[in-house]
Amino acid sequence: MADLSRHLPLSNRPTADESAVTSDRRQALAAVVGRAAELIARNDESGDSERAAAFLAEARLDREFAGTALPAVAEAIATGAPRGIRPLTDAVRALLRLAGTEAVELDPVTSGAVALYAVTRAPFDRRAVVSGCTLRATDAEWEFGRGPRRAAPARQILEFLLGLGDVPPPLTSRR
């Protein structure tokens, strides 16, 4: 009976410091834009302004930062007004599309937040696949949901939820 209380609202779960919890995603968004800049610079020494412009358009930052170099965009975002999860999700989608098959590192908090947001906004068929399941990132320390576990690398989960790939996370356990 003692375990039941931890599932109830306002229960006596162990408390933790939540002072760093915020809905402001500007630092994470700046980091994603910075990774896009690094990826473009690594693949083309000239900075390839066409690829940068395509990234900005896909990330829906082109109206605000048209013609601006990506490192300057990252700096402006980091020091600018607060940003929410939607712009971060758009930028992560653009980064994953820009990266193609190349490896790209995302902060686990960023990938988890984007996955959680994306699962609520994904098209019906994708939501149906993951409905009633626990999504678990095997390379990041996050999971959410209830039911049978679907475990995969965070990138695979994100690509599926964001519509960049058609392979859903595989069902790994039936709880």
C-alpha atoms as a PDB file:
ATOM      1  CA  MET A   1       0.000   0.000   0.000  1.00  0.00           C
ATOM      2  CA  ALA A   2       2.923   2.362   0.602  1.00  0.00           C
ATOM      3  CA  ASP A   3       3.839   2.336  -3.105  1.00  0.00           C
ATOM      4  CA  LEU A   4       0.386   3.539  -4.095  1.00  0.00           C
ATOM      5  CA  SER A   5       0.978   7.024  -2.652  1.00  0.00           C
ATOM      6  CA  ARG A   6       3.769   7.855  -5.092  1.00  0.00           C
ATOM      7  CA  HIS A   7       1.277   7.623  -7.996  1.00  0.00           C
ATOM      8  CA  LEU A   8      -1.219  10.007  -6.442  1.00  0.00           C
ATOM      9  CA  PRO A   9      -1.161  13.725  -7.177  1.00  0.00           C
ATOM     10  CA  LEU A  10       0.483  15.863  -4.512  1.00  0.00           C
ATOM     11  CA  SER A  11       1.996  12.751  -3.000  1.00  0.00           C
ATOM     12  CA  ASN A  12       5.018  12.506  -0.783  1.00  0.00           C
ATOM     13  CA  ARG A  13       7.471  11.812  -3.576  1.00  0.00           C
ATOM     14  CA  PRO A  14      11.051  12.767  -2.809  1.00  0.00           C
ATOM     15  CA  THR A  15      11.590  16.454  -3.456  1.00  0.00           C
ATOM     16  CA  ALA A  16      14.316  17.741  -5.724  1.00  0.00           C
ATOM     17  CA  ASP A  17      15.688  21.162  -6.544  1.00  0.00           C
ATOM     18  CA  GLU A  18      13.520  22.495  -9.356  1.00  0.00           C
ATOM     19  CA  SER A  19      14.912  26.019  -9.427  1.00  0.00           C
ATOM     20  CA  ALA A  20      16.437  25.460 -12.879  1.00  0.00           C
ATOM     21  CA  VAL A  21      13.142  24.352 -14.456  1.00  0.00           C
ATOM     22  CA  THR A  22      12.006  26.839 -17.078  1.00  0.00           C
ATOM     23  CA  SER A  23      10.002  27.001 -20.265  1.00  0.00           C
ATOM     24  CA  ASP A  24      12.596  29.342 -21.813  1.00  0.00           C
ATOM     25  CA  ARG A  25      14.411  27.328 -24.493  1.00  0.00           C
ATOM     26  CA  ARG A  26      16.630  30.071 -25.906  1.00  0.00           C
ATOM     27  CA  GLN A  27      19.927  28.468 -24.763  1.00  0.00           C
ATOM     28  CA  ALA A  28      18.937  25.108 -26.241  1.00  0.00           C
ATOM     29  CA  LEU A  29      17.815  26.795 -29.470  1.00  0.00           C
ATOM     30  CA  ALA A  30      21.095  28.720 -29.689  1.00  0.00           C
ATOM     31  CA  ALA A  31      22.998  25.450 -29.187  1.00  0.00           C
ATOM     32  CA  VAL A  32      21.070  23.776 -32.022  1.00  0.00           C
ATOM     33  CA  VAL A  33      21.758  26.711 -34.367  1.00  0.00           C
ATOM     34  CA  GLY A  34      25.413  26.585 -33.313  1.00  0.00           C
ATOM     35  CA  ARG A  35      25.573  22.864 -34.152  1.00  0.00           C
ATOM     36  CA  ALA A  36      24.094  23.596 -37.573  1.00  0.00           C
ATOM     37  CA  ALA A  37      26.789  26.230 -38.131  1.00  0.00           C
ATOM     38  CA  GLU A  38      29.493  23.737 -37.109  1.00  0.00           C
ATOM     39  CA  LEU A  39      28.046  21.067 -39.381  1.00  0.00           C
ATOM     40  CA  ILE A  40      27.965  23.391 -42.385  1.00  0.00           C
ATOM     41  CA  ALA A  41      31.474  24.713 -41.674  1.00  0.00           C
ATOM     42  CA  ARG A  42      32.848  21.187 -41.264  1.00  0.00           C
ATOM     43  CA  ASN A  43      31.477  20.089 -44.631  1.00  0.00           C
ATOM     44  CA  ASP A  44      32.280  23.233 -46.561  1.00  0.00           C
ATOM     45  CA  GLU A  45      34.947  25.748 -45.616  1.00  0.00           C
ATOM     46  CA  SER A  46      33.160  28.606 -47.368  1.00  0.00           C
ATOM     47  CA  GLY A  47      30.218  28.327 -44.965  1.00  0.00           C
ATOM     48  CA  ASP A  48      27.784  27.496 -47.789  1.00  0.00           C
ATOM     49  CA  SER A  49      25.262  30.310 -47.431  1.00  0.00           C
ATOM     50  CA  GLU A  50      22.644  28.327 -49.381  1.00  0.00           C
ATOM     51  CA  ARG A  51      22.672  25.505 -46.815  1.00  0.00           C
ATOM     52  CA  ALA A  52      22.561  28.051 -43.981  1.00  0.00           C
ATOM     53  CA  ALA A  53      19.603  29.809 -45.613  1.00  0.00           C
ATOM     54  CA  ALA A  54      17.828  26.464 -46.080  1.00  0.00           C
ATOM     55  CA  PHE A  55      18.429  25.634 -42.410  1.00  0.00           C
ATOM     56  CA  LEU A  56      17.040  29.008 -41.311  1.00  0.00           C
ATOM     57  CA  ALA A  57      13.983  28.559 -43.534  1.00  0.00           C
ATOM     58  CA  GLU A  58      13.285  25.049 -42.242  1.00  0.00           C
ATOM     59  CA  ALA A  59      13.822  26.231 -38.656  1.00  0.00           C
ATOM     60  CA  ARG A  60      11.406  29.108 -39.348  1.00  0.00           C
ATOM     61  CA  LEU A  61      14.020  31.650 -38.351  1.00  0.00           C
ATOM     62  CA  ASP A  62      14.496  33.120 -41.848  1.00  0.00           C
ATOM     63  CA  ARG A  63      12.132  36.083 -41.418  1.00  0.00           C
ATOM     64  CA  GLU A  64      13.903  37.203 -38.290  1.00  0.00           C
ATOM     65  CA  PHE A  65      17.481  36.444 -39.360  1.00  0.00           C
ATOM     66  CA  ALA A  66      17.528  36.508 -43.180  1.00  0.00           C
ATOM     67  CA  GLY A  67      21.068  36.961 -44.487  1.00  0.00           C
ATOM     68  CA  THR A  68      22.657  36.603 -41.042  1.00  0.00           C
ATOM     69  CA  ALA A  69      25.493  34.138 -40.442  1.00  0.00           C
ATOM     70  CA  LEU A  70      24.492  31.202 -38.225  1.00  0.00           C
ATOM     71  CA  PRO A  71      26.996  31.945 -35.408  1.00  0.00           C
ATOM     72  CA  ALA A  72      25.541  35.465 -35.177  1.00  0.00           C
ATOM     73  CA  VAL A  73      22.013  33.997 -35.161  1.00  0.00           C
ATOM     74  CA  ALA A  74      22.973  31.679 -32.288  1.00  0.00           C
ATOM     75  CA  GLU A  75      24.416  34.599 -30.312  1.00  0.00           C
ATOM     76  CA  ALA A  76      21.333  36.766 -30.946  1.00  0.00           C
ATOM     77  CA  ILE A  77      19.022  33.975 -29.811  1.00  0.00           C
ATOM     78  CA  ALA A  78      21.079  33.238 -26.684  1.00  0.00           C
ATOM     79  CA  THR A  79      20.977  36.883 -25.581  1.00  0.00           C
ATOM     80  CA  GLY A  80      17.527  37.733 -26.930  1.00  0.00           C
ATOM     81  CA  ALA A  81      13.964  37.217 -25.857  1.00  0.00           C
ATOM     82  CA  PRO A  82      12.776  33.945 -24.336  1.00  0.00           C
ATOM     83  CA  ARG A  83      11.916  31.162 -26.795  1.00  0.00           C
ATOM     84  CA  GLY A  84       9.498  28.290 -26.381  1.00  0.00           C
ATOM     85  CA  ILE A  85       9.474  24.621 -27.309  1.00  0.00           C
ATOM     86  CA  ARG A  86       7.946  25.089 -30.768  1.00  0.00           C
ATOM     87  CA  PRO A  87      10.885  27.061 -32.238  1.00  0.00           C
ATOM     88  CA  LEU A  88      13.244  24.540 -30.645  1.00  0.00           C
ATOM     89  CA  THR A  89      11.341  21.674 -32.274  1.00  0.00           C
ATOM     90  CA  ASP A  90      11.504  23.393 -35.666  1.00  0.00           C
ATOM     91  CA  ALA A  91      15.248  23.941 -35.271  1.00  0.00           C
ATOM     92  CA  VAL A  92      15.897  20.326 -34.221  1.00  0.00           C
ATOM     93  CA  ARG A  93      13.937  19.102 -37.272  1.00  0.00           C
ATOM     94  CA  ALA A  94      16.005  21.405 -39.499  1.00  0.00           C
ATOM     95  CA  LEU A  95      19.259  20.240 -37.886  1.00  0.00           C
ATOM     96  CA  LEU A  96      18.421  16.562 -38.346  1.00  0.00           C
ATOM     97  CA  ARG A  97      17.478  17.172 -41.985  1.00  0.00           C
ATOM     98  CA  LEU A  98      20.693  19.146 -42.534  1.00  0.00           C
ATOM     99  CA  ALA A  99      22.782  16.386 -40.947  1.00  0.00           C
ATOM    100  CA  GLY A 100      21.306  13.637 -43.113  1.00  0.00           C
ATOM    101  CA  THR A 101      23.181  10.464 -42.201  1.00  0.00           C
ATOM    102  CA  GLU A 102      25.959  12.339 -40.401  1.00  0.00           C
ATOM    103  CA  ALA A 103      26.104  12.019 -36.615  1.00  0.00           C
ATOM    104  CA  VAL A 104      24.880  15.006 -34.654  1.00  0.00           C
ATOM    105  CA  GLU A 105      24.860  15.390 -30.881  1.00  0.00           C
ATOM    106  CA  LEU A 106      21.860  16.772 -29.075  1.00  0.00           C
ATOM    107  CA  ASP A 107      21.644  17.517 -25.382  1.00  0.00           C
ATOM    108  CA  PRO A 108      19.491  14.825 -23.702  1.00  0.00           C
ATOM    109  CA  VAL A 109      17.247  17.469 -22.133  1.00  0.00           C
ATOM    110  CA  THR A 110      16.713  19.026 -25.558  1.00  0.00           C
ATOM    111  CA  SER A 111      16.018  15.733 -27.308  1.00  0.00           C
ATOM    112  CA  GLY A 112      13.651  14.636 -24.541  1.00  0.00           C
ATOM    113  CA  ALA A 113      11.730  17.911 -24.508  1.00  0.00           C
ATOM    114  CA  VAL A 114      11.406  17.917 -28.292  1.00  0.00           C
ATOM    115  CA  ALA A 115      10.284  14.266 -28.332  1.00  0.00           C
ATOM    116  CA  LEU A 116       7.672  14.934 -25.650  1.00  0.00           C
ATOM    117  CA  TYR A 117       6.350  17.951 -27.573  1.00  0.00           C
ATOM    118  CA  ALA A 118       6.495  16.149 -30.918  1.00  0.00           C
ATOM    119  CA  VAL A 119       4.520  13.162 -29.677  1.00  0.00           C
ATOM    120  CA  THR A 120       1.591  15.515 -29.032  1.00  0.00           C
ATOM    121  CA  ARG A 121       1.890  17.234 -32.427  1.00  0.00           C
ATOM    122  CA  ALA A 122       2.803  14.325 -34.705  1.00  0.00           C
ATOM    123  CA  PRO A 123       0.380  13.222 -37.428  1.00  0.00           C
ATOM    124  CA  PHE A 124      -2.321  10.799 -36.312  1.00  0.00           C
ATOM    125  CA  ASP A 125      -0.679   7.688 -37.770  1.00  0.00           C
ATOM    126  CA  ARG A 126       2.589   8.360 -35.914  1.00  0.00           C
ATOM    127  CA  ARG A 127       0.790   9.117 -32.657  1.00  0.00           C
ATOM    128  CA  ALA A 128      -1.177   5.879 -33.057  1.00  0.00           C
ATOM    129  CA  VAL A 129       2.055   3.863 -33.335  1.00  0.00           C
ATOM    130  CA  VAL A 130       3.438   5.200 -30.049  1.00  0.00           C
ATOM    131  CA  SER A 131       0.111   5.521 -28.227  1.00  0.00           C
ATOM    132  CA  GLY A 132      -0.042   3.434 -25.083  1.00  0.00           C
ATOM    133  CA  CYS A 133       3.723   2.864 -25.121  1.00  0.00           C
ATOM    134  CA  THR A 134       6.704   4.049 -23.152  1.00  0.00           C
ATOM    135  CA  LEU A 135       9.262   5.755 -25.397  1.00  0.00           C
ATOM    136  CA  ARG A 136      12.798   5.295 -24.096  1.00  0.00           C
ATOM    137  CA  ALA A 137      15.968   6.791 -25.546  1.00  0.00           C
ATOM    138  CA  THR A 138      18.753   4.229 -25.304  1.00  0.00           C
ATOM    139  CA  ASP A 139      21.480   6.855 -25.613  1.00  0.00           C
ATOM    140  CA  ALA A 140      19.949   9.546 -23.395  1.00  0.00           C
ATOM    141  CA  GLU A 141      18.478   9.335 -19.931  1.00  0.00           C
ATOM    142  CA  TRP A 142      14.843   9.961 -20.707  1.00  0.00           C
ATOM    143  CA  GLU A 143      11.667   8.029 -21.179  1.00  0.00           C
ATOM    144  CA  PHE A 144       8.000   8.878 -21.000  1.00  0.00           C
ATOM    145  CA  GLY A 145       4.654   7.208 -21.411  1.00  0.00           C
ATOM    146  CA  ARG A 146       3.059   4.073 -20.059  1.00  0.00           C
ATOM    147  CA  GLY A 147       2.750   0.622 -21.441  1.00  0.00           C
ATOM    148  CA  PRO A 148       5.015  -1.572 -23.557  1.00  0.00           C
ATOM    149  CA  ARG A 149       8.460  -0.082 -24.075  1.00  0.00           C
ATOM    150  CA  ARG A 150       9.687   1.161 -27.450  1.00  0.00           C
ATOM    151  CA  ALA A 151      13.406   1.802 -27.080  1.00  0.00           C
ATOM    152  CA  ALA A 152      15.730   3.310 -29.679  1.00  0.00           C
ATOM    153  CA  PRO A 153      18.395   6.000 -29.938  1.00  0.00           C
ATOM    154  CA  ALA A 154      16.974   9.484 -29.352  1.00  0.00           C
ATOM    155  CA  ARG A 155      17.662  10.446 -32.956  1.00  0.00           C
ATOM    156  CA  GLN A 156      15.564   7.578 -34.322  1.00  0.00           C
ATOM    157  CA  ILE A 157      12.681   8.494 -32.016  1.00  0.00           C
ATOM    158  CA  LEU A 158      12.919  12.154 -33.039  1.00  0.00           C
ATOM    159  CA  GLU A 159      13.136  11.364 -36.744  1.00  0.00           C
ATOM    160  CA  PHE A 160      10.014   9.225 -36.512  1.00  0.00           C
ATOM    161  CA  LEU A 161       8.008  11.749 -34.486  1.00  0.00           C
ATOM    162  CA  LEU A 162       9.135  14.716 -36.597  1.00  0.00           C
ATOM    163  CA  GLY A 163       8.289  12.985 -39.877  1.00  0.00           C
ATOM    164  CA  LEU A 164      11.881  12.651 -41.078  1.00  0.00           C
ATOM    165  CA  GLY A 165      11.907   8.853 -41.026  1.00  0.00           C
ATOM    166  CA  ASP A 166       9.364   6.087 -41.350  1.00  0.00           C
ATOM    167  CA  VAL A 167      10.925   3.546 -38.990  1.00  0.00           C
ATOM    168  CA  PRO A 168       9.218   3.628 -35.579  1.00  0.00           C
ATOM    169  CA  PRO A 169      11.132   2.752 -32.437  1.00  0.00           C
ATOM    170  CA  PRO A 170      10.972  -1.033 -32.083  1.00  0.00           C
ATOM    171  CA  LEU A 171       8.865  -2.661 -29.412  1.00  0.00           C
ATOM    172  CA  THR A 172      11.417  -4.031 -26.918  1.00  0.00           C
ATOM    173  CA  SER A 173       9.311  -5.179 -23.984  1.00  0.00           C
ATOM    174  CA  ARG A 174       5.741  -5.839 -23.027  1.00  0.00           C
ATOM    175  CA  ARG A 175       5.123  -4.647 -19.497  1.00  0.00           C
END
